[in-house]
Protein backbone atom coordinates (compact mmCIF):
# COMPACT_ATOMS: atom_id res chain seq x y z
CA MET A 1 -16.73 7.66 -22.09
CA GLN A 2 -19.65 9.53 -23.87
CA ASN A 3 -20.32 13.27 -23.01
CA ILE A 4 -24.07 13.19 -22.11
CA VAL A 5 -23.80 17.04 -21.71
CA GLU A 6 -21.49 19.53 -23.41
CA ALA A 7 -21.41 23.29 -22.16
CA ARG A 8 -18.95 25.78 -23.72
CA LYS A 9 -18.52 29.44 -22.65
CA LEU A 10 -22.14 29.25 -21.33
CA VAL A 11 -23.41 32.91 -20.20
CA LYS A 12 -26.52 33.92 -18.75
CA ARG A 13 -27.42 37.58 -17.85
CA PHE A 14 -30.56 39.07 -16.22
CA GLY A 15 -30.30 42.75 -17.35
CA ASN A 16 -26.91 43.99 -15.84
CA PHE A 17 -26.66 41.03 -13.58
CA THR A 18 -24.73 37.89 -14.81
CA ALA A 19 -25.80 34.78 -13.36
CA VAL A 20 -23.45 32.57 -15.06
CA ALA A 21 -20.21 33.75 -16.67
CA GLY A 22 -18.83 32.02 -19.56
CA ILE A 23 -18.47 28.36 -18.02
CA ASP A 24 -17.43 25.20 -19.64
CA PHE A 25 -18.22 21.32 -18.30
CA ASP A 26 -18.98 18.08 -19.56
CA VAL A 27 -21.05 15.26 -17.74
CA GLN A 28 -20.42 11.76 -18.85
CA SER A 29 -22.94 9.16 -19.41
CA GLY A 30 -23.64 6.92 -16.48
CA GLU A 31 -21.96 9.06 -13.95
CA ILE A 32 -23.19 11.21 -10.66
CA PHE A 33 -21.96 14.51 -11.47
CA GLY A 34 -22.10 17.04 -8.74
CA PHE A 35 -22.53 20.97 -9.07
CA LEU A 36 -21.36 22.85 -5.96
CA GLY A 37 -21.66 26.21 -4.94
CA PRO A 38 -23.20 28.58 -2.46
CA ASN A 39 -26.52 30.23 -2.98
CA GLY A 40 -26.79 32.36 -5.81
CA SER A 41 -23.61 30.96 -7.54
CA GLY A 42 -25.75 30.17 -10.72
CA LYS A 43 -26.43 26.51 -10.06
CA THR A 44 -30.20 26.41 -10.80
CA THR A 45 -29.80 28.95 -13.67
CA THR A 46 -27.41 26.31 -15.16
CA ILE A 47 -29.89 23.51 -14.77
CA ARG A 48 -32.53 25.51 -16.56
CA MET A 49 -30.50 26.05 -19.41
CA MET A 50 -29.32 22.49 -19.83
CA LEU A 51 -33.12 21.62 -19.64
CA GLY A 52 -34.10 24.43 -22.44
CA LEU A 53 -36.26 26.44 -20.20
CA LEU A 54 -34.08 29.22 -20.05
CA PRO A 55 -32.00 30.12 -23.28
CA PRO A 56 -28.26 31.05 -22.73
CA THR A 57 -27.09 34.56 -23.41
CA GLU A 58 -24.09 33.29 -24.98
CA GLY A 59 -22.44 30.04 -25.75
CA THR A 60 -23.71 26.86 -26.50
CA ILE A 61 -25.07 23.63 -24.76
CA ARG A 62 -25.85 20.39 -25.90
CA THR A 63 -28.02 17.84 -23.77
CA LEU A 64 -28.28 14.24 -24.85
CA GLY A 65 -26.46 15.42 -28.56
CA VAL A 66 -29.42 18.18 -29.00
CA ASP A 67 -28.44 21.74 -29.30
CA VAL A 68 -30.65 22.96 -26.41
CA LYS A 69 -30.95 26.44 -27.50
CA ARG A 70 -32.36 25.34 -30.96
CA ARG A 71 -34.53 22.46 -30.12
CA PRO A 72 -35.20 22.32 -26.33
CA ASP A 73 -38.53 20.34 -27.34
CA LEU A 74 -36.35 17.29 -28.42
CA ILE A 75 -34.76 16.52 -24.98
CA ARG A 76 -37.48 17.14 -22.34
CA PRO A 77 -39.22 13.65 -22.91
CA ARG A 78 -35.80 12.21 -22.55
CA VAL A 79 -34.87 13.92 -19.29
CA GLY A 80 -36.20 14.10 -15.52
CA TYR A 81 -36.27 16.97 -13.30
CA MET A 82 -36.59 17.30 -9.51
CA SER A 83 -36.87 21.03 -8.28
CA GLN A 84 -35.92 22.26 -4.88
CA LYS A 85 -39.45 22.54 -3.88
CA PHE A 86 -40.06 18.67 -5.00
CA SER A 87 -42.75 19.75 -7.55
CA LEU A 88 -45.55 17.82 -6.06
CA TYR A 89 -49.18 18.77 -5.41
CA ASN A 90 -49.60 18.39 -1.80
CA ASP A 91 -53.59 18.10 -1.67
CA LEU A 92 -52.97 14.82 -4.00
CA THR A 93 -52.28 11.36 -2.62
CA VAL A 94 -49.36 9.64 -3.42
CA ILE A 95 -50.78 7.42 -6.34
CA GLU A 96 -52.62 10.56 -7.43
CA ASN A 97 -49.30 12.56 -7.83
CA LEU A 98 -47.89 9.62 -9.63
CA ARG A 99 -50.98 9.05 -12.15
CA PHE A 100 -50.76 12.83 -12.67
CA PHE A 101 -46.82 12.53 -13.72
CA GLY A 102 -47.41 9.68 -15.45
CA ARG A 103 -50.03 11.34 -17.74
CA ALA A 104 -48.20 14.42 -18.21
CA TYR A 105 -45.01 12.38 -19.68
CA GLY A 106 -47.43 10.61 -21.98
CA LEU A 107 -47.50 6.94 -20.35
CA ARG A 108 -50.75 5.36 -21.27
CA ASN A 109 -52.35 1.77 -20.79
CA LEU A 110 -50.07 -1.13 -19.56
CA ALA A 111 -46.75 1.04 -19.38
CA PHE A 112 -48.60 3.52 -17.33
CA THR A 113 -49.83 1.03 -14.66
CA GLU A 114 -46.31 -0.81 -14.51
CA ARG A 115 -44.23 2.13 -13.97
CA ILE A 116 -46.22 3.46 -11.30
CA GLU A 117 -46.24 0.31 -9.62
CA GLU A 118 -42.31 0.15 -10.18
CA ALA A 119 -42.02 3.75 -8.93
CA ILE A 120 -43.81 2.70 -5.58
CA LYS A 121 -41.66 -0.12 -5.29
CA MET A 122 -38.50 1.59 -5.78
CA ALA A 123 -39.34 4.50 -3.72
CA GLY A 124 -40.39 2.33 -0.80
CA LEU A 125 -44.05 4.00 -0.80
CA ALA A 126 -45.91 0.76 -0.53
CA GLY A 127 -48.78 1.17 1.82
CA LYS A 128 -48.70 5.04 1.45
CA GLU A 129 -50.48 5.10 -1.80
CA ASP A 130 -53.40 6.91 -0.48
CA ALA A 131 -51.75 9.19 1.97
CA ARG A 132 -51.83 12.79 1.24
CA THR A 133 -48.60 14.19 0.10
CA ARG A 134 -48.74 17.23 2.46
CA ASP A 135 -49.02 14.43 5.40
CA LEU A 136 -45.77 12.85 4.25
CA ALA A 137 -42.55 13.40 6.37
CA GLY A 138 -39.60 15.34 4.20
CA GLY A 139 -37.97 12.08 3.39
CA TRP A 140 -41.02 10.34 1.88
CA ARG A 141 -41.92 13.49 -0.02
CA GLN A 142 -38.46 13.35 -1.53
CA ARG A 143 -38.86 10.01 -2.48
CA LEU A 144 -42.10 10.36 -4.20
CA ALA A 145 -40.70 13.49 -6.07
CA LEU A 146 -37.96 11.72 -7.24
CA ALA A 147 -40.35 8.65 -8.05
CA ALA A 148 -42.39 10.97 -10.56
CA ALA A 149 -39.37 12.52 -11.86
CA ILE A 150 -38.14 9.18 -13.36
CA LEU A 151 -41.42 7.41 -14.13
CA HIS A 152 -41.12 7.99 -17.99
CA ARG A 153 -37.44 6.50 -17.65
CA PRO A 154 -35.18 9.18 -18.55
CA GLU A 155 -31.73 8.78 -19.70
CA LEU A 156 -30.78 11.96 -17.74
CA VAL A 157 -31.86 13.08 -14.38
CA PHE A 158 -31.50 16.60 -12.99
CA LEU A 159 -31.87 17.09 -9.12
CA ASP A 160 -31.57 20.78 -7.76
CA GLU A 161 -30.76 20.31 -3.97
CA PRO A 162 -32.94 17.19 -3.30
CA THR A 163 -32.02 16.66 0.12
CA ALA A 164 -32.38 20.24 1.59
CA GLY A 165 -34.22 20.13 4.75
CA VAL A 166 -34.17 16.34 5.06
CA ASP A 167 -32.71 14.45 7.75
CA PRO A 168 -29.43 12.36 7.56
CA VAL A 169 -30.99 9.00 7.27
CA SER A 170 -33.31 9.74 4.52
CA ARG A 171 -30.44 11.53 2.66
CA ARG A 172 -28.30 8.18 2.91
CA ALA A 173 -31.15 6.43 1.45
CA PHE A 174 -31.92 8.68 -1.13
CA TRP A 175 -28.28 8.17 -2.24
CA ASP A 176 -28.62 4.48 -1.99
CA LEU A 177 -31.44 4.97 -4.85
CA LEU A 178 -29.26 7.27 -6.97
CA TYR A 179 -26.58 4.41 -7.11
CA GLU A 180 -29.42 2.00 -8.13
CA PHE A 181 -30.28 4.52 -11.00
CA VAL A 182 -26.75 4.55 -12.44
CA ALA A 183 -26.38 0.93 -12.02
CA GLU A 184 -29.45 1.05 -14.60
CA GLY A 185 -27.51 3.34 -17.03
CA ILE A 186 -29.20 6.80 -15.81
CA THR A 187 -27.04 9.65 -15.63
CA VAL A 188 -27.37 11.90 -12.59
CA PHE A 189 -26.79 15.71 -12.33
CA VAL A 190 -27.44 16.90 -8.92
CA THR A 191 -26.82 20.28 -6.78
CA THR A 192 -26.13 19.93 -3.20
CA HIS A 193 -24.83 21.96 -0.20
CA TYR A 194 -23.79 18.64 1.64
CA MET A 195 -19.88 17.87 1.43
CA ASP A 196 -20.65 14.32 2.68
CA GLU A 197 -23.04 14.01 -0.36
CA ALA A 198 -20.59 15.39 -2.70
CA GLU A 199 -17.93 12.64 -1.59
CA HIS A 200 -20.50 9.98 -3.67
CA CYS A 201 -20.18 12.05 -6.80
CA HIS A 202 -18.12 10.49 -9.66
CA ARG A 203 -17.07 14.08 -10.59
CA LEU A 204 -17.67 17.58 -9.37
CA ALA A 205 -17.81 21.10 -10.37
CA LEU A 206 -17.47 24.09 -7.96
CA ILE A 207 -19.20 27.18 -9.10
CA GLN A 208 -18.90 30.82 -7.46
CA ARG A 209 -20.48 33.87 -8.51
CA GLY A 210 -21.39 32.18 -12.14
CA GLU A 211 -17.68 30.94 -12.82
CA ILE A 212 -16.43 27.40 -12.42
CA ILE A 213 -13.33 27.76 -10.21
CA ALA A 214 -12.60 23.71 -10.11
CA THR A 215 -13.45 20.50 -11.47
CA GLY A 216 -12.52 16.73 -10.82
CA SER A 217 -13.42 13.86 -9.00
CA PRO A 218 -13.47 14.36 -4.90
CA ARG A 219 -9.92 12.43 -4.78
CA GLU A 220 -8.48 14.73 -7.72
CA MET A 221 -9.85 17.82 -6.24
CA LYS A 222 -8.32 17.28 -2.68
CA MET A 223 -4.97 16.47 -4.21
CA LYS A 224 -4.87 19.33 -6.67
CA MET A 225 -6.73 22.01 -5.02
CA MET A 226 -5.60 22.12 -1.52
CA LYS A 227 -2.52 24.09 -1.17
CA GLY A 228 -1.07 22.90 1.85
CA GLN A 229 -1.77 20.18 4.76
CA VAL A 230 -4.33 20.12 7.32
CA LEU A 231 -3.85 20.18 10.75
CA GLU A 232 -6.71 19.06 13.12
CA LEU A 233 -6.89 20.25 16.81
CA SER A 234 -9.82 19.34 19.50
CA PRO A 235 -8.92 22.68 21.61
CA ASP A 236 -10.94 23.01 24.76
CA ASP A 237 -12.07 26.42 23.88
CA PRO A 238 -12.72 26.32 19.95
CA ALA A 239 -14.18 29.75 19.54
CA ARG A 240 -11.40 31.27 21.65
CA ALA A 241 -8.59 29.15 19.89
CA ILE A 242 -9.82 30.42 16.29
CA ALA A 243 -9.60 33.83 17.43
CA ILE A 244 -6.24 33.40 18.81
CA LEU A 245 -4.70 31.91 15.74
CA ARG A 246 -6.71 34.50 13.19
CA GLU A 247 -4.99 37.22 15.38
CA ALA A 248 -1.55 35.46 15.06
CA GLN A 249 -2.05 35.36 11.19
CA ASP A 250 -3.05 39.10 11.01
CA ARG A 251 -0.15 39.80 12.89
CA GLY A 252 2.23 37.89 10.48
CA ARG A 253 3.29 35.18 13.41
CA LEU A 254 1.63 32.60 11.52
CA GLN A 255 1.71 32.02 7.57
CA LEU A 256 -1.30 29.94 7.42
CA GLY A 257 -3.62 29.31 4.25
CA ASP A 258 -6.98 29.29 6.12
CA ILE A 259 -8.22 28.39 9.72
CA SER A 260 -11.79 27.23 10.12
CA MET A 261 -14.23 25.65 12.61
CA TYR A 262 -15.68 22.25 12.09
CA GLY A 263 -18.06 21.90 15.23
CA SER A 264 -15.69 21.60 18.20
CA LEU A 265 -12.73 21.09 15.90
CA LEU A 266 -10.34 23.58 14.29
CA HIS A 267 -8.59 22.91 10.75
CA ALA A 268 -5.45 24.95 10.24
CA VAL A 269 -4.26 24.81 6.48
CA ALA A 270 -0.47 25.54 5.99
CA PRO A 271 1.77 24.37 2.79
CA ASP A 272 4.40 22.94 5.04
CA MET A 273 2.60 21.82 8.33
CA ASP A 274 5.75 20.15 9.70
CA ARG A 275 7.30 23.72 9.79
CA TYR A 276 4.13 25.43 11.32
CA GLU A 277 2.61 23.20 13.36
CA SER A 278 4.76 23.83 16.67
CA HIS A 279 4.22 27.58 16.17
CA ILE A 280 0.40 26.71 16.28
CA LEU A 281 0.48 24.81 19.31
CA GLN A 282 3.01 27.59 20.87
CA GLU A 283 0.18 30.43 20.14
CA LEU A 284 -2.38 28.43 21.89
CA VAL A 285 -0.86 27.02 24.90
CA GLU A 286 0.86 30.65 25.62
CA ALA A 287 -2.87 31.71 25.54
CA GLY A 288 -3.77 29.37 28.13
CA ILE A 289 -5.62 27.17 25.82
CA ASP A 290 -5.13 23.12 25.86
CA PRO A 291 -5.06 22.31 21.97
CA GLY A 292 -6.38 18.75 22.63
CA ASN A 293 -5.55 16.11 20.29
CA VAL A 294 -3.65 17.27 17.16
CA GLU A 295 -2.92 15.35 14.02
CA VAL A 296 -2.36 16.11 10.04
CA ILE A 297 -5.23 14.70 8.29
CA GLU A 298 -6.50 14.24 4.66
CA PRO A 299 -8.47 17.18 3.70
CA SER A 300 -12.01 16.80 3.59
CA LEU A 301 -14.09 18.12 0.47
CA GLU A 302 -15.45 20.70 2.89
CA ASP A 303 -11.47 21.99 3.44
CA VAL A 304 -11.22 21.94 -0.53
CA PHE A 305 -14.48 24.29 -0.82
CA ILE A 306 -13.59 26.62 1.54
CA ALA A 307 -10.18 26.87 0.29
CA CYS A 308 -11.41 27.47 -3.01
CA MET A 309 -14.00 29.69 -2.07
CA GLN A 310 -11.27 32.47 -0.54
């Protein structure tokens, strides 16, 4: 499969602060590539370098076959960008926003009208054309921002945390739209904090403190990056249970890789859970805690993410 983005030894410094520290990655044509990392890890800075909005301090980046550092102007008509703030004008109506972005992308005459009609239909905004953007719910603003970003039919779309603050139903509908784009040949580069969304990406890269610490498909990352099995428990007192297990770990009674809380559930990671499961249960029972339902489960991407960030 053809690489549509190639980054090599990419570095970005702001004074003495290194935001991106020599990363290498490829994005393949026709895929959804997920870029995961905590706030301040370098995700947005990397996107801006791929778009040619920020020059790299060191290294090279080619987007759509173009050396972005030398000729950023050549890629801008071929890409779409949806920033964290949706980049919309709240005082304009839905149709006015689309007309503005259509003209900004150079659309004229019949193509201009057709693309706006297609965008409204794609985003499910029919009947809302005259609504002020500020009056739209978060999910509808999100759809409008995406429609504006793909009006000119880009080959590659960058989405920077596009579903932050949007309800789960709207997030699911948004991802359905992304799969429609991929079916039409559009490549998607997306940053997200939601692990359930990361599961829907074809490939992922985890970035921390400006360095990529893991790459691969969700399945590959679960198989390669988890150094152990995951035991899931549903104790009657989760907060006290995690405190008991962490104390046992600190005192050397349990050799666990990680202990994390997932709502009312606990996940404990160990390289040989058959050996440690009985000891985990013993610690809880002796402390007067009912461990509840206990089973070894397939690790989630959230388990992988937490393990990699240690």
